[in-house]
Every structure is written in C-alpha cells, then in structure tokens.
C-alpha atoms as a PDB file:
ATOM      1  CA  MET A   1    -191.729  50.099-119.239  1.00  0.00           C
ATOM      2  CA  ASN A   2    -193.210  52.526-121.566  1.00  0.00           C
ATOM      3  CA  GLU A   3    -190.602  53.207-124.448  1.00  0.00           C
ATOM      4  CA  ASN A   4    -191.798  56.959-124.610  1.00  0.00           C
ATOM      5  CA  TRP A   5    -190.979  57.268-120.888  1.00  0.00           C
ATOM      6  CA  THR A   6    -187.214  56.113-121.669  1.00  0.00           C
ATOM      7  CA  LYS A   7    -186.788  58.710-124.408  1.00  0.00           C
ATOM      8  CA  PHE A   8    -188.112  61.602-122.149  1.00  0.00           C
ATOM      9  CA  ILE A   9    -186.235  60.317-119.257  1.00  0.00           C
ATOM     10  CA  GLU A  10    -183.066  60.377-121.325  1.00  0.00           C
ATOM     11  CA  LEU A  11    -183.577  63.748-122.584  1.00  0.00           C
ATOM     12  CA  TYR A  12    -184.474  65.096-119.032  1.00  0.00           C
ATOM     13  CA  LEU A  13    -181.060  63.478-117.520  1.00  0.00           C
ATOM     14  CA  LYS A  14    -179.160  65.201-120.378  1.00  0.00           C
ATOM     15  CA  GLY A  15    -180.787  68.504-119.632  1.00  0.00           C
ATOM     16  CA  GLU A  16    -182.287  68.542-123.208  1.00  0.00           C
ATOM     17  CA  LEU A  17    -185.908  68.966-122.348  1.00  0.00           C
ATOM     18  CA  SER A  18    -187.753  72.367-122.591  1.00  0.00           C
ATOM     19  CA  PRO A  19    -188.855  73.720-119.250  1.00  0.00           C
ATOM     20  CA  GLU A  20    -192.373  72.771-120.077  1.00  0.00           C
ATOM     21  CA  ASP A  21    -191.620  69.256-120.701  1.00  0.00           C
ATOM     22  CA  THR A  22    -189.519  69.027-117.723  1.00  0.00           C
ATOM     23  CA  SER A  23    -192.370  70.349-115.450  1.00  0.00           C
ATOM     24  CA  LYS A  24    -194.523  67.828-117.112  1.00  0.00           C
ATOM     25  CA  LEU A  25    -192.224  64.994-116.585  1.00  0.00           C
ATOM     26  CA  GLU A  26    -191.473  65.887-112.942  1.00  0.00           C
ATOM     27  CA  ALA A  27    -195.178  66.103-112.315  1.00  0.00           C
ATOM     28  CA  GLU A  28    -195.699  62.543-113.808  1.00  0.00           C
ATOM     29  CA  LEU A  29    -192.754  61.273-111.769  1.00  0.00           C
ATOM     30  CA  GLU A  30    -194.631  62.305-108.639  1.00  0.00           C
ATOM     31  CA  ARG A  31    -197.623  60.548-109.683  1.00  0.00           C
ATOM     32  CA  ASN A  32    -196.199  57.394-111.337  1.00  0.00           C
ATOM     33  CA  PRO A  33    -193.791  54.928-109.256  1.00  0.00           C
ATOM     34  CA  GLU A  34    -193.242  52.909-112.169  1.00  0.00           C
ATOM     35  CA  MET A  35    -191.868  55.896-113.997  1.00  0.00           C
ATOM     36  CA  GLN A  36    -189.620  56.808-110.891  1.00  0.00           C
ATOM     37  CA  LYS A  37    -188.090  53.313-111.053  1.00  0.00           C
ATOM     38  CA  SER A  38    -187.466  53.988-114.678  1.00  0.00           C
ATOM     39  CA  LEU A  39    -185.799  57.303-113.924  1.00  0.00           C
ATOM     40  CA  GLU A  40    -183.557  55.499-111.246  1.00  0.00           C
ATOM     41  CA  LEU A  41    -182.509  52.886-113.652  1.00  0.00           C
ATOM     42  CA  GLN A  42    -181.588  55.414-116.441  1.00  0.00           C
ATOM     43  CA  LYS A  43    -179.379  57.322-113.715  1.00  0.00           C
ATOM     44  CA  GLN A  44    -177.692  54.123-112.683  1.00  0.00           C
ATOM     45  CA  ILE A  45    -177.060  53.304-116.487  1.00  0.00           C
ATOM     46  CA  HIS A  46    -175.559  57.054-116.829  1.00  0.00           C
ATOM     47  CA  GLU A  47    -173.287  56.594-113.818  1.00  0.00           C
ATOM     48  CA  ALA A  48    -172.151  53.152-114.905  1.00  0.00           C
ATOM     49  CA  ALA A  49    -171.217  54.442-118.402  1.00  0.00           C
ATOM     50  CA  LYS A  50    -169.383  57.493-116.930  1.00  0.00           C
ATOM     51  CA  ARG A  51    -167.399  55.179-114.552  1.00  0.00           C
ATOM     52  CA  SER A  52    -166.654  52.885-117.294  1.00  0.00           C
ATOM     53  CA  GLY A  53    -165.229  55.829-119.398  1.00  0.00           C
ATOM     54  CA  GLU A  54    -163.158  57.136-116.528  1.00  0.00           C
ATOM     55  CA  ARG A  55    -161.728  53.501-115.915  1.00  0.00           C
ATOM     56  CA  GLN A  56    -160.503  53.479-119.460  1.00  0.00           C
ATOM     57  CA  ILE A  57    -158.778  56.883-118.957  1.00  0.00           C
ATOM     58  CA  VAL A  58    -156.942  55.560-115.874  1.00  0.00           C
ATOM     59  CA  LYS A  59    -155.992  52.374-117.696  1.00  0.00           C
ATOM     60  CA  ALA A  60    -154.512  54.340-120.589  1.00  0.00           C
ATOM     61  CA  ALA A  61    -152.670  56.855-118.349  1.00  0.00           C
ATOM     62  CA  ARG A  62    -151.226  53.946-116.335  1.00  0.00           C
ATOM     63  CA  LYS A  63    -149.921  52.299-119.449  1.00  0.00           C
ATOM     64  CA  SER A  64    -148.299  55.525-120.598  1.00  0.00           C
ATOM     65  CA  TYR A  65    -146.823  55.979-117.177  1.00  0.00           C
ATOM     66  CA  HIS A  66    -145.022  52.733-117.105  1.00  0.00           C
END
C-alpha cells in the first residue's frame, strides 16, 4: 500500500481534503482497484475505532448504574 494514499484517504474520510484534492482522490479511486481496497480498509478501521469508543461509554454507564 502506498503510504501517501493512506494519508490522503485518512484526510478524505475526515472531510479535511480541499475540494480539488477530493476530486483528484475520487478520480484515482475510480481507476485504481488497489486504492479502493485501501479506502475500504481505512473505513473498516474507522468504524471499529468508533464502536470501541461506544463500547467503553456503555461499560462506564453500566458501572455507574449498578
């Protein structure tokens, strides 16, 4: 995986790319299946991190309830 892709994809998922860079990235995604796989992996990582954080909140709430 290209290290530069990871950085751009991360910024893309956070919504921090400029409109011009977003267009460039999306055009590259259409042409490059390997980059598409990288995007999907990053999405999965983001979702897993989000779920993990939510789990911690639920555990803390449960402890304070009991």
